[in-house]
C-alpha atoms as a PDB file:
ATOM      1  CA  MET A   1     -45.630  93.905 120.119  1.00  0.00           C
ATOM      2  CA  ASN A   2     -46.760  92.007 123.252  1.00  0.00           C
ATOM      3  CA  MET A   3     -44.985  88.520 123.945  1.00  0.00           C
ATOM      4  CA  GLU A   4     -45.312  86.149 126.802  1.00  0.00           C
ATOM      5  CA  ILE A   5     -42.637  83.450 126.698  1.00  0.00           C
ATOM      6  CA  HIS A   6     -42.484  80.772 129.456  1.00  0.00           C
ATOM      7  CA  ASN A   7     -39.087  79.095 129.685  1.00  0.00           C
ATOM      8  CA  TRP A   8     -39.701  76.749 132.427  1.00  0.00           C
ATOM      9  CA  GLY A   9     -36.936  74.406 133.313  1.00  0.00           C
ATOM     10  CA  LEU A  10     -34.445  76.462 131.180  1.00  0.00           C
ATOM     11  CA  ASN A  11     -30.860  75.561 132.247  1.00  0.00           C
ATOM     12  CA  VAL A  12     -27.822  77.429 130.665  1.00  0.00           C
ATOM     13  CA  GLY A  13     -24.649  75.677 130.901  1.00  0.00           C
ATOM     14  CA  LYS A  14     -22.139  77.505 129.062  1.00  0.00           C
ATOM     15  CA  VAL A  15     -22.361  80.552 126.639  1.00  0.00           C
ATOM     16  CA  GLU A  16     -19.558  81.498 124.317  1.00  0.00           C
ATOM     17  CA  ILE A  17     -19.788  84.726 122.326  1.00  0.00           C
ATOM     18  CA  THR A  18     -17.280  85.377 119.638  1.00  0.00           C
ATOM     19  CA  ALA A  19     -18.727  88.450 117.809  1.00  0.00           C
ATOM     20  CA  VAL A  20     -21.385  91.198 118.789  1.00  0.00           C
ATOM     21  CA  GLY A  21     -23.250  93.467 116.443  1.00  0.00           C
ATOM     22  CA  SER A  22     -23.983  96.833 116.661  1.00  0.00           C
ATOM     23  CA  SER A  23     -27.675  96.049 117.644  1.00  0.00           C
ATOM     24  CA  SER A  24     -27.421  93.130 119.697  1.00  0.00           C
ATOM     25  CA  VAL A  25     -29.313  92.080 122.824  1.00  0.00           C
ATOM     26  CA  PHE A  26     -28.006  88.941 124.987  1.00  0.00           C
ATOM     27  CA  LEU A  27     -30.345  88.313 127.988  1.00  0.00           C
ATOM     28  CA  ILE A  28     -30.570  85.203 130.226  1.00  0.00           C
ATOM     29  CA  GLY A  29     -33.010  85.655 132.798  1.00  0.00           C
ATOM     30  CA  ASP A  30     -36.130  87.356 133.630  1.00  0.00           C
ATOM     31  CA  ASN A  31     -36.992  91.042 132.300  1.00  0.00           C
ATOM     32  CA  ASP A  32     -40.074  92.894 132.623  1.00  0.00           C
ATOM     33  CA  SER A  33     -39.570  94.983 129.672  1.00  0.00           C
ATOM     34  CA  ILE A  34     -36.987  95.779 126.910  1.00  0.00           C
ATOM     35  CA  VAL A  35     -36.846  99.225 125.449  1.00  0.00           C
ATOM     36  CA  LEU A  36     -34.992  99.576 122.057  1.00  0.00           C
ATOM     37  CA  SER A  37     -33.933 102.866 120.416  1.00  0.00           C
ATOM     38  CA  SER A  38     -31.668 103.777 117.738  1.00  0.00           C
ATOM     39  CA  PHE A  39     -29.971 106.778 116.195  1.00  0.00           C
ATOM     40  CA  PHE A  40     -28.358 107.648 112.727  1.00  0.00           C
ATOM     41  CA  ASP A  41     -25.011 109.106 113.314  1.00  0.00           C
ATOM     42  CA  THR A  42     -23.842 109.516 109.747  1.00  0.00           C
ATOM     43  CA  PRO A  43     -23.075 113.042 108.457  1.00  0.00           C
ATOM     44  CA  PRO A  44     -25.374 114.407 105.785  1.00  0.00           C
ATOM     45  CA  GLU A  45     -22.439 115.115 103.470  1.00  0.00           C
ATOM     46  CA  SER A  46     -21.561 111.242 103.382  1.00  0.00           C
ATOM     47  CA  PHE A  47     -25.104 110.502 101.898  1.00  0.00           C
ATOM     48  CA  THR A  48     -25.313 109.827  98.012  1.00  0.00           C
ATOM     49  CA  VAL A  49     -28.729 110.607  96.861  1.00  0.00           C
ATOM     50  CA  GLY A  50     -29.630 109.326  93.391  1.00  0.00           C
ATOM     51  CA  ASN A  51     -27.496 107.165  91.011  1.00  0.00           C
ATOM     52  CA  ILE A  52     -23.649 106.867  91.775  1.00  0.00           C
ATOM     53  CA  VAL A  53     -22.979 105.870  88.288  1.00  0.00           C
ATOM     54  CA  PRO A  54     -24.900 107.488  85.282  1.00  0.00           C
ATOM     55  CA  LEU A  55     -27.263 105.025  83.637  1.00  0.00           C
ATOM     56  CA  SER A  56     -27.768 105.207  79.898  1.00  0.00           C
ATOM     57  CA  LEU A  57     -30.923 104.582  78.246  1.00  0.00           C
ATOM     58  CA  SER A  58     -29.657 102.242  75.800  1.00  0.00           C
END
């Protein structure tokens, strides 16, 4: 995805952050590029594949 955004005359007075998520980006100012990556660190034995509770046919 290519985006071009112009924030001419942008003034930031006060920023208050009360919580941050695990996939957050907070940026004020110029940046040429942002590279995002992720990984999944849950061990395989914690996965539940299929129905947790058996479903009846009736």
